[in-house]
Structures are given as structure tokens and as C-alpha cells.
Amino acid sequence: MSNSLAEPGTSGPATPGSEPHDSARGRFHGPAALWLALMAGPLSFGIAGPALILDDAARDLDVSTGAVTWTVTAFGWGIAVGTPLLAGLLDRRGVRAALTVCGLLVLVGAGLVAGVPVLPVLVLGTALQGLGTAGLTATAMNLAGSPRVMGLVTASLAVVGSTAPLAGSLVNDVLSWRAALALPVLSVLAVPFVAARCAKGAPTAREPFDPWGAVLLTALVTALVFVPHRPLEAGVCSVAAAALLTARVRARAHGFVPAVLVRTPRFLVSAGLAFCLAVVNFGMMYAIPERLEDHTSWSSSEIGVAMVWPLLLGGALSWFVVAASARTGRRPVITALVTLAVLGPVLAALTTASLALLAAQALASIAAASGQGVFAVHATSAVPDAQRPPAIGLFNLSYLLGAAFGPAIVSLLAL
């Protein structure tokens, strides 16, 4: 058996209803694949874009900066919850329905954020944007028909994320902080073009909808998102929700969380590795600026500018790594990515030189951005085609939880 990475959707047996999805994926190659990148990339504006504008927002709203950070938390909750939920919509109602619902969620959320400068409405608006962009990103990854296209989609997330703080700051200066918070709406620009290429798409799911599975997964994800903020209470809720969800998966093998996914070691390993690489990368994004502040005379803005290049480098190189992974084989790629993810923190711990610290961040960024694409291909090729949408949703969820836990773990280590 060859150990090269398979094309997405080729490892599992053909199932009734899967052909429309395969056909749609085949339509996105060459320049057309750029629409998938445009549809996915703006999600990163919601994660990193507010970094430099929260003080201005707090001043205008006459609240504390801590209160305004609930907009970031709400967006994080939206993408964490929306990733599996809206991947389920894609599975059961097809590509066009998913694009319509997700696009409307983003538009409504952006309208609330840009038009109603009241904190509770802003929190609601950013949550809706998170839900919608999560679904659009899951759809883009589902439509990626090759490692090269998957790499383009995941690279767009990394590249946008690396420049999002500066982009948010510039939009704040030129327009307003409300416009900066609404930047994820750019993903909607690609929706009509993607929908036009999926006009004949159809749902693949044949099983009845599993409402209890969806509720329990939502409860588990919500609890996990709040673990860094309320460790004890959220931890207890997470354990309880995980136990109930496990029982539900056993009772309903073809439910909202398909049992085949949790029973497939290659899928679990891929999702677990993506989680670990995300923990390292996003933890380093928190730790490296602190190290630079302690060991250089740079200002906060100078540190912010300096952090762009290692993150941008990681995002740009990831496209080549994911594209090459189809020819290289799984084991060498996995070994290389894990090695880079280990070397980054080790280098950061052993040096105080600014260039070395930035190089450490670059290593972690290359590993995480590349790993998201490589392991997404690996995870989806391990399951039947009919399970590709939920597999993409749960895989992305693992990566996003790593993004949430990385900074929290670094904070605990610093105490």
C-alpha cells in the first residue's frame, strides 16, 4: 500500500448521492480555486483583525477594553460552534443551501456590527459573522478537490491572519473600528461565483437529522470555548457534555457525529495533530511578543509589524508544502511538520535574540498553516465520501480549539 496522500474523496467507497459533491469539487481548479480562497480567508479577519482596535472601540462605547473583548470571544464561539453545525447543513441540504444560509448570516452580522454601535448588538453581530464564515470555510474546504487547492484555501487563512491586525488598524484609521470588525463580510464576495459552479449540487446525507447529537456537540464546543475563561465550571460541563455525546454516538451511529469518524484512527490522528500544531502556533503568537517586549527596546507597534513577516512566511510556504505533500508521502511530511513545531518553542526558550525569536515563530507558523491543509487532506481521505462534510467540520473544529487553547496554556505557564 502506498503511503502517499490520497486525493480527497478517493479513499472511501462510492455512496449514493456523493457524485454531485465530487462533480462540484472538480470544478475548482486553476484560477477558479481563488474563489474558494477568497471565501475562506476573511474568517481570519474576525480572529486577528480586532487586535489593535479594541481600545478605540472601548473608548467610543464608554466601556472597558475587557468588555469589548467579548466581541472576539463571540466570534470565536461562532466559528467553533458553526464549523460542525454548518458542515452538517452542507451535508444534508447541499452546497447551495449552505452558501445561502452562511452568506446571509455573515451579511446580517456585518450589518449589525457596522450599523448598531451598542455592545450587546456588537457581540451578537460578531457571533453571527463567526457562524457564517465558519460555514463558508468548511464549504470551501469541502469543495477543494486536490491537495493543491486545499493548500490554497488553508494558506489564505494563514496569510489573511498574518496581516489582519494591520489591516484592521488601517480600516479603523480610514473608516472606523466598526468597519474593521465587519471585515469578515469580504468572504461573501465569492459566494455568487462559487454557487454558480455548484448549480447542480445536491445533499449527500440520507439519514434523518439528529437534533440531540447537534445539541450535545454544540454544548460540548461551547463549554470547551469557555474553559480558558472559567476553567472549573467549563471543565465540568465539558466532561459531562462529552460523556453524553459519547453515549449518543454509540446509540446513533449515523447521527450528527458519525461513529465512523471516531472509529477511524487515521482521522483521529490527523485531527489530533492539527490540534497540537495549532496549540503551538497560537501559543507562540502570544509568547513571542512578550519575549520581544522583555528583550528588545521595540514599541508595541514595532513588535506588531515585526510579527507580520514570520506569520506571512508561514502562510505563503504552506501552499507549496500542502501541494507537494501529495507526491512526498505521509510519513516524511508528518515528521517534518512535527519537527518544525517542536523546534519553534525550543528555539524561543533558548534565545533572546530578536531575529531568532521571529524565526521560532516562523517555524511554528509554517508547521501549523501547512499542517491544517496536509492533515485536512489526510483526514478526509480516510473516511467514505459521504462523510466528507462532517469530517471537514470536526477536523476544523479540532484546529480551532487548538487556536483557543494555545494562548491559554502559555498564560498558565507564565504564572
Protein backbone atom coordinates (compact mmCIF):
# COMPACT_ATOMS: atom_id res chain seq x y z
CA MET A 1 0.00 0.00 0.00
CA SER A 2 1.38 3.39 -0.96
CA ASN A 3 1.79 5.91 1.83
CA SER A 4 1.27 8.92 -0.40
CA LEU A 5 -1.54 11.28 0.47
CA ALA A 6 -4.67 10.39 -1.43
CA GLU A 7 -6.80 12.90 -3.26
CA PRO A 8 -9.75 13.97 -1.14
CA GLY A 9 -12.75 11.81 -1.65
CA THR A 10 -10.95 8.93 -3.33
CA SER A 11 -10.28 6.59 -0.44
CA GLY A 12 -13.83 5.79 0.57
CA PRO A 13 -16.33 3.74 -1.32
CA ALA A 14 -18.76 5.48 -3.61
CA THR A 15 -22.09 6.12 -1.99
CA PRO A 16 -25.42 7.18 -3.42
CA GLY A 17 -25.70 10.92 -3.64
CA SER A 18 -21.98 11.59 -3.43
CA GLU A 19 -21.46 12.25 -7.13
CA PRO A 20 -22.74 15.86 -7.12
CA HIS A 21 -20.22 16.80 -4.46
CA ASP A 22 -17.42 15.12 -6.39
CA SER A 23 -18.50 16.95 -9.56
CA ALA A 24 -18.58 20.29 -7.76
CA ARG A 25 -15.12 19.74 -6.33
CA GLY A 26 -13.81 19.02 -9.81
CA ARG A 27 -14.91 22.45 -11.00
CA PHE A 28 -12.47 24.29 -8.73
CA HIS A 29 -9.02 24.23 -10.25
CA GLY A 30 -6.72 26.84 -11.71
CA PRO A 31 -7.98 30.43 -11.35
CA ALA A 32 -11.42 29.22 -10.19
CA ALA A 33 -9.83 27.91 -6.98
CA LEU A 34 -9.10 31.52 -5.99
CA TRP A 35 -12.82 31.96 -5.27
CA LEU A 36 -12.56 29.27 -2.59
CA ALA A 37 -9.57 31.08 -1.07
CA LEU A 38 -11.48 34.38 -1.06
CA MET A 39 -14.47 32.72 0.56
CA ALA A 40 -12.38 31.14 3.34
CA GLY A 41 -9.64 33.68 4.06
CA PRO A 42 -11.71 36.54 5.59
CA LEU A 43 -12.58 34.32 8.56
CA SER A 44 -9.14 35.26 9.89
CA PHE A 45 -10.13 38.94 9.98
CA GLY A 46 -12.59 38.09 12.74
CA ILE A 47 -9.92 36.29 14.77
CA ALA A 48 -6.96 38.66 14.44
CA GLY A 49 -8.40 41.85 12.97
CA PRO A 50 -9.62 43.39 16.25
CA ALA A 51 -6.21 43.09 17.93
CA LEU A 52 -5.24 46.77 17.57
CA ILE A 53 -8.67 48.46 17.63
CA LEU A 54 -10.23 47.30 20.90
CA ASP A 55 -9.09 50.38 22.84
CA ASP A 56 -10.75 52.70 20.31
CA ALA A 57 -13.94 50.67 20.41
CA ALA A 58 -13.98 50.70 24.21
CA ARG A 59 -13.50 54.47 24.29
CA ASP A 60 -16.34 55.13 21.84
CA LEU A 61 -18.67 52.71 23.63
CA ASP A 62 -17.67 54.06 27.06
CA VAL A 63 -16.90 50.57 28.37
CA SER A 64 -13.74 48.78 29.44
CA THR A 65 -11.44 47.10 26.94
CA GLY A 66 -12.15 43.81 28.70
CA ALA A 67 -15.84 44.23 27.95
CA VAL A 68 -15.15 44.82 24.26
CA THR A 69 -13.11 41.61 24.05
CA TRP A 70 -16.43 39.77 24.32
CA THR A 71 -16.80 40.55 20.62
CA VAL A 72 -13.69 38.46 19.96
CA THR A 73 -14.93 35.71 22.26
CA ALA A 74 -18.29 35.75 20.49
CA PHE A 75 -16.62 35.39 17.09
CA GLY A 76 -14.52 32.52 18.43
CA TRP A 77 -17.65 30.83 19.78
CA GLY A 78 -19.36 31.37 16.43
CA ILE A 79 -16.63 29.71 14.37
CA ALA A 80 -16.23 26.86 16.88
CA VAL A 81 -19.96 26.09 17.02
CA GLY A 82 -20.64 26.98 13.39
CA THR A 83 -17.93 24.72 11.97
CA PRO A 84 -19.64 21.38 12.75
CA LEU A 85 -23.22 22.72 12.64
CA LEU A 86 -22.99 24.33 9.22
CA ALA A 87 -20.89 21.48 7.86
CA GLY A 88 -23.94 19.39 8.84
CA LEU A 89 -26.13 21.75 6.83
CA LEU A 90 -23.83 21.27 3.85
CA ASP A 91 -24.09 17.51 4.27
CA ARG A 92 -27.90 17.48 4.43
CA ARG A 93 -29.03 20.35 2.22
CA GLY A 94 -26.21 20.66 -0.30
CA VAL A 95 -23.71 23.32 -1.28
CA ARG A 96 -26.10 26.00 -2.49
CA ALA A 97 -28.23 25.89 0.68
CA ALA A 98 -25.10 26.11 2.83
CA LEU A 99 -23.77 29.05 0.81
CA THR A 100 -27.10 30.88 1.06
CA VAL A 101 -27.55 30.42 4.82
CA CYS A 102 -23.91 31.17 5.65
CA GLY A 103 -23.81 34.21 3.38
CA LEU A 104 -26.95 35.62 5.00
CA LEU A 105 -25.52 35.04 8.48
CA VAL A 106 -22.38 37.00 7.55
CA LEU A 107 -24.34 39.83 5.94
CA VAL A 108 -26.73 40.22 8.88
CA GLY A 109 -23.88 40.05 11.37
CA ALA A 110 -21.81 42.63 9.46
CA GLY A 111 -24.86 44.90 9.24
CA LEU A 112 -25.36 44.77 12.99
CA VAL A 113 -21.68 45.39 13.69
CA ALA A 114 -21.37 48.31 11.27
CA GLY A 115 -24.75 49.90 11.93
CA VAL A 116 -25.61 49.45 15.62
CA PRO A 117 -22.71 50.52 17.89
CA VAL A 118 -24.13 49.03 21.10
CA LEU A 119 -22.05 46.36 22.86
CA PRO A 120 -24.72 43.60 23.13
CA VAL A 121 -25.58 44.06 19.45
CA LEU A 122 -21.89 44.02 18.51
CA VAL A 123 -21.46 40.73 20.38
CA LEU A 124 -24.46 39.27 18.56
CA GLY A 125 -23.21 40.57 15.21
CA THR A 126 -19.72 39.14 15.59
CA ALA A 127 -21.18 35.80 16.70
CA LEU A 128 -23.32 35.69 13.54
CA GLN A 129 -20.28 36.55 11.43
CA GLY A 130 -18.38 33.72 13.11
CA LEU A 131 -21.17 31.24 12.40
CA GLY A 132 -21.40 32.27 8.75
CA THR A 133 -17.69 32.42 7.96
CA ALA A 134 -17.15 29.06 9.66
CA GLY A 135 -19.71 27.53 7.32
CA LEU A 136 -18.22 29.22 4.26
CA THR A 137 -14.74 28.00 5.20
CA ALA A 138 -15.96 24.43 5.75
CA THR A 139 -17.72 24.58 2.37
CA ALA A 140 -14.58 25.88 0.65
CA MET A 141 -12.51 23.05 2.12
CA ASN A 142 -15.17 20.52 1.14
CA LEU A 143 -15.06 21.76 -2.45
CA ALA A 144 -11.25 21.61 -2.63
CA GLY A 145 -10.70 18.70 -4.99
CA SER A 146 -6.93 18.28 -4.65
CA PRO A 147 -4.12 18.88 -2.16
CA ARG A 148 -3.05 21.89 -4.24
CA VAL A 149 -6.47 23.56 -3.91
CA MET A 150 -6.75 22.59 -0.23
CA GLY A 151 -3.36 24.18 0.32
CA LEU A 152 -4.54 27.37 -1.37
CA VAL A 153 -7.60 27.53 0.89
CA THR A 154 -5.68 26.97 4.13
CA ALA A 155 -2.87 29.29 3.01
CA SER A 156 -5.45 32.05 2.51
CA LEU A 157 -6.49 31.67 6.15
CA ALA A 158 -2.89 31.95 7.32
CA VAL A 159 -1.95 34.85 5.04
CA VAL A 160 -5.03 36.89 5.96
CA GLY A 161 -4.45 36.11 9.63
CA SER A 162 -0.87 37.37 9.46
CA THR A 163 -1.91 40.75 8.05
CA ALA A 164 -5.29 41.08 9.78
CA PRO A 165 -4.16 43.21 12.75
CA LEU A 166 -2.55 45.79 10.46
CA ALA A 167 -5.50 45.67 8.05
CA GLY A 168 -7.90 46.22 10.93
CA SER A 169 -5.85 49.14 12.17
CA LEU A 170 -5.76 50.76 8.72
CA VAL A 171 -9.51 50.35 8.22
CA ASN A 172 -10.03 51.84 11.67
CA ASP A 173 -7.93 54.88 10.70
CA VAL A 174 -9.60 55.39 7.33
CA LEU A 175 -13.19 54.42 8.18
CA SER A 176 -14.00 53.26 11.72
CA TRP A 177 -13.46 50.42 14.16
CA ARG A 178 -16.98 49.20 13.30
CA ALA A 179 -15.90 48.75 9.67
CA ALA A 180 -12.82 46.88 10.89
CA LEU A 181 -15.00 44.48 12.91
CA ALA A 182 -17.11 43.89 9.79
CA LEU A 183 -14.16 42.83 7.58
CA PRO A 184 -15.24 39.13 7.54
CA VAL A 185 -18.06 40.26 5.21
CA LEU A 186 -15.49 40.19 2.37
CA SER A 187 -15.99 36.41 2.23
CA VAL A 188 -19.48 36.97 0.81
CA LEU A 189 -17.97 38.45 -2.37
CA ALA A 190 -17.02 34.94 -3.51
CA VAL A 191 -20.37 33.29 -2.72
CA PRO A 192 -22.17 34.04 -6.05
CA PHE A 193 -19.23 32.78 -8.09
CA VAL A 194 -18.86 29.60 -6.03
CA ALA A 195 -22.62 28.99 -6.13
CA ALA A 196 -22.64 29.36 -9.92
CA ARG A 197 -20.16 26.49 -10.21
CA CYS A 198 -22.23 24.33 -7.86
CA ALA A 199 -25.61 24.87 -9.50
CA LYS A 200 -26.28 21.14 -9.71
CA GLY A 201 -25.00 20.32 -6.21
CA ALA A 202 -27.19 18.09 -4.05
CA PRO A 203 -27.10 16.86 -0.47
CA THR A 204 -25.41 13.55 0.21
CA ALA A 205 -26.98 12.71 3.57
CA ARG A 206 -29.66 10.04 3.65
CA GLU A 207 -30.09 9.64 7.41
CA PRO A 208 -32.72 11.65 9.37
CA PHE A 209 -31.41 14.71 11.18
CA ASP A 210 -30.09 14.02 14.68
CA PRO A 211 -31.16 17.03 16.81
CA TRP A 212 -29.84 15.61 20.09
CA GLY A 213 -26.45 14.96 18.56
CA ALA A 214 -26.32 18.56 17.30
CA VAL A 215 -27.37 19.95 20.69
CA LEU A 216 -24.82 17.87 22.60
CA LEU A 217 -21.98 18.77 20.22
CA THR A 218 -22.92 22.45 20.49
CA ALA A 219 -22.93 22.17 24.29
CA LEU A 220 -19.52 20.47 24.27
CA VAL A 221 -17.96 23.05 21.95
CA THR A 222 -19.44 25.94 23.93
CA ALA A 223 -18.05 24.54 27.18
CA LEU A 224 -14.62 23.98 25.64
CA VAL A 225 -14.50 27.54 24.28
CA PHE A 226 -15.05 28.88 27.81
CA VAL A 227 -12.50 26.60 29.50
CA PRO A 228 -9.71 29.23 29.27
CA HIS A 229 -12.02 31.83 30.87
CA ARG A 230 -13.76 29.69 33.53
CA PRO A 231 -11.65 26.52 33.87
CA LEU A 232 -13.53 24.81 36.71
CA GLU A 233 -17.13 25.36 35.66
CA ALA A 234 -16.47 24.96 31.93
CA GLY A 235 -14.27 21.91 32.55
CA VAL A 236 -17.03 20.13 34.47
CA CYS A 237 -19.57 21.00 31.77
CA SER A 238 -17.15 19.78 29.08
CA VAL A 239 -16.73 16.39 30.74
CA ALA A 240 -20.49 15.99 31.19
CA ALA A 241 -21.24 17.03 27.60
CA ALA A 242 -18.51 14.72 26.25
CA ALA A 243 -19.93 11.76 28.18
CA LEU A 244 -23.45 12.42 26.90
CA LEU A 245 -22.21 12.91 23.33
CA THR A 246 -20.24 9.64 23.51
CA ALA A 247 -23.37 7.81 24.59
CA ARG A 248 -25.30 9.45 21.75
CA VAL A 249 -22.73 8.40 19.14
CA ARG A 250 -22.94 4.82 20.36
CA ALA A 251 -26.72 4.89 20.20
CA ARG A 252 -26.90 6.68 16.82
CA ALA A 253 -24.01 5.53 14.64
CA HIS A 254 -25.20 7.63 11.68
CA GLY A 255 -26.17 10.68 13.69
CA PHE A 256 -24.85 14.23 13.71
CA VAL A 257 -21.41 12.94 14.77
CA PRO A 258 -20.95 9.82 12.60
CA ALA A 259 -19.47 6.92 14.52
CA VAL A 260 -17.22 6.08 11.56
CA LEU A 261 -15.22 9.24 12.22
CA VAL A 262 -14.45 8.48 15.86
CA ARG A 263 -13.69 4.88 14.92
CA THR A 264 -11.18 5.78 12.20
CA PRO A 265 -7.68 6.07 13.71
CA ARG A 266 -6.27 7.99 10.74
CA PHE A 267 -8.96 10.65 11.06
CA LEU A 268 -8.43 10.95 14.83
CA VAL A 269 -4.65 11.15 14.48
CA SER A 270 -4.92 13.82 11.77
CA ALA A 271 -7.34 15.92 13.82
CA GLY A 272 -5.20 15.47 16.94
CA LEU A 273 -2.02 16.53 15.18
CA ALA A 274 -3.77 19.58 13.72
CA PHE A 275 -4.93 20.49 17.24
CA CYS A 276 -1.38 20.17 18.63
CA LEU A 277 0.19 22.25 15.84
CA ALA A 278 -2.44 24.95 16.36
CA VAL A 279 -1.78 24.98 20.12
CA VAL A 280 1.93 25.53 19.47
CA ASN A 281 1.46 28.19 16.79
CA PHE A 282 -1.16 30.30 18.53
CA GLY A 283 0.60 29.91 21.85
CA MET A 284 3.77 31.22 20.23
CA MET A 285 1.82 34.14 18.78
CA TYR A 286 1.10 35.11 22.38
CA ALA A 287 4.53 34.28 23.84
CA ILE A 288 6.87 35.76 21.22
CA PRO A 289 5.61 39.37 21.53
CA GLU A 290 6.09 39.09 25.30
CA ARG A 291 9.65 37.85 24.80
CA LEU A 292 10.38 40.63 22.31
CA GLU A 293 8.99 43.22 24.72
CA ASP A 294 11.21 41.88 27.51
CA HIS A 295 14.42 41.61 25.49
CA THR A 296 14.25 44.47 22.97
CA SER A 297 13.54 48.17 23.07
CA TRP A 298 10.84 47.88 20.40
CA SER A 299 7.48 49.55 20.85
CA SER A 300 4.23 47.61 20.64
CA SER A 301 3.60 48.81 17.10
CA GLU A 302 7.13 47.84 16.03
CA ILE A 303 6.62 44.38 17.51
CA GLY A 304 3.31 44.10 15.66
CA VAL A 305 4.97 44.96 12.35
CA ALA A 306 7.87 42.58 13.03
CA MET A 307 5.45 39.71 13.72
CA VAL A 308 3.90 40.03 10.27
CA TRP A 309 6.75 38.52 8.29
CA PRO A 310 7.10 35.16 10.11
CA LEU A 311 3.34 34.64 10.04
CA LEU A 312 3.11 35.69 6.41
CA LEU A 313 6.03 33.43 5.53
CA GLY A 314 4.30 30.50 7.19
CA GLY A 315 1.08 31.12 5.29
CA ALA A 316 2.81 31.57 1.95
CA LEU A 317 5.02 28.49 2.25
CA SER A 318 2.12 26.33 3.42
CA TRP A 319 0.61 26.30 -0.08
CA PHE A 320 3.77 24.74 -1.51
CA VAL A 321 4.04 22.25 1.36
CA VAL A 322 0.44 21.05 1.03
CA ALA A 323 0.70 20.82 -2.76
CA ALA A 324 3.96 18.84 -2.51
CA SER A 325 2.55 16.50 0.15
CA ALA A 326 0.59 14.56 -2.49
CA ARG A 327 3.89 13.46 -4.06
CA THR A 328 6.08 13.18 -0.98
CA GLY A 329 4.13 10.74 1.19
CA ARG A 330 2.52 11.00 4.59
CA ARG A 331 5.30 9.88 6.90
CA PRO A 332 8.03 12.32 5.76
CA VAL A 333 5.57 15.24 5.77
CA ILE A 334 4.22 14.43 9.23
CA THR A 335 7.77 14.04 10.58
CA ALA A 336 8.85 17.36 9.09
CA LEU A 337 5.85 19.30 10.40
CA VAL A 338 6.10 17.86 13.91
CA THR A 339 9.83 18.59 13.95
CA LEU A 340 9.24 22.22 12.99
CA ALA A 341 6.53 22.54 15.66
CA VAL A 342 8.94 21.23 18.31
CA LEU A 343 11.92 23.31 17.16
CA GLY A 344 9.94 26.57 17.33
CA PRO A 345 9.26 26.57 21.10
CA VAL A 346 12.70 25.11 21.87
CA LEU A 347 14.42 27.90 19.94
CA ALA A 348 12.21 30.53 21.60
CA ALA A 349 13.07 29.15 25.05
CA LEU A 350 16.83 29.06 24.42
CA THR A 351 17.38 32.50 22.88
CA THR A 352 16.61 36.15 23.47
CA ALA A 353 17.84 37.44 20.09
CA SER A 354 15.04 39.16 18.19
CA LEU A 355 15.76 37.50 14.84
CA ALA A 356 15.91 34.08 16.46
CA LEU A 357 12.60 34.66 18.24
CA LEU A 358 10.96 35.71 14.97
CA ALA A 359 12.47 32.65 13.26
CA ALA A 360 10.94 30.49 16.01
CA GLN A 361 7.53 31.98 15.24
CA ALA A 362 8.10 31.32 11.54
CA LEU A 363 8.81 27.63 12.23
CA ALA A 364 5.61 27.27 14.25
CA SER A 365 3.61 29.16 11.63
CA ILE A 366 4.87 27.00 8.77
CA ALA A 367 4.05 23.85 10.74
CA ALA A 368 0.52 24.91 11.69
CA ALA A 369 -0.52 26.51 8.38
CA SER A 370 0.86 23.57 6.40
CA GLY A 371 -0.49 21.04 8.86
CA GLN A 372 -4.02 22.38 8.57
CA GLY A 373 -4.01 21.66 4.84
CA VAL A 374 -1.99 18.44 4.88
CA PHE A 375 -3.94 16.85 7.71
CA ALA A 376 -7.27 18.01 6.28
CA VAL A 377 -6.46 16.05 3.12
CA HIS A 378 -5.27 13.11 5.23
CA ALA A 379 -8.37 13.16 7.45
CA THR A 380 -10.93 13.36 4.66
CA SER A 381 -9.20 10.71 2.55
CA ALA A 382 -9.54 8.28 5.48
CA VAL A 383 -13.35 8.27 5.51
CA PRO A 384 -16.05 7.49 2.92
CA ASP A 385 -17.00 10.31 0.56
CA ALA A 386 -20.46 10.54 2.12
CA GLN A 387 -18.83 11.55 5.43
CA ARG A 388 -16.59 14.25 3.95
CA PRO A 389 -18.65 17.28 5.11
CA PRO A 390 -18.89 16.20 8.78
CA ALA A 391 -15.24 15.14 8.64
CA ILE A 392 -14.23 18.62 7.45
CA GLY A 393 -16.40 20.20 10.16
CA LEU A 394 -14.95 18.16 13.02
CA PHE A 395 -11.40 18.47 11.69
CA ASN A 396 -11.67 22.26 11.52
CA LEU A 397 -13.18 22.26 14.98
CA SER A 398 -10.08 20.48 16.31
CA TYR A 399 -7.80 23.08 14.72
CA LEU A 400 -9.86 26.00 16.04
CA LEU A 401 -9.89 24.58 19.56
CA GLY A 402 -6.10 24.45 19.35
CA ALA A 403 -6.15 28.14 18.44
CA ALA A 404 -8.20 28.82 21.58
CA PHE A 405 -6.14 26.68 23.95
CA GLY A 406 -2.66 27.76 22.80
CA PRO A 407 -2.69 31.28 24.34
CA ALA A 408 -4.42 29.97 27.48
CA ILE A 409 -1.72 27.35 28.03
CA VAL A 410 1.03 29.94 27.56
CA SER A 411 -0.70 32.20 30.10
CA LEU A 412 -0.76 29.37 32.65
CA LEU A 413 2.91 28.58 32.06
CA ALA A 414 3.82 32.24 32.57
CA LEU A 415 2.19 32.40 36.01
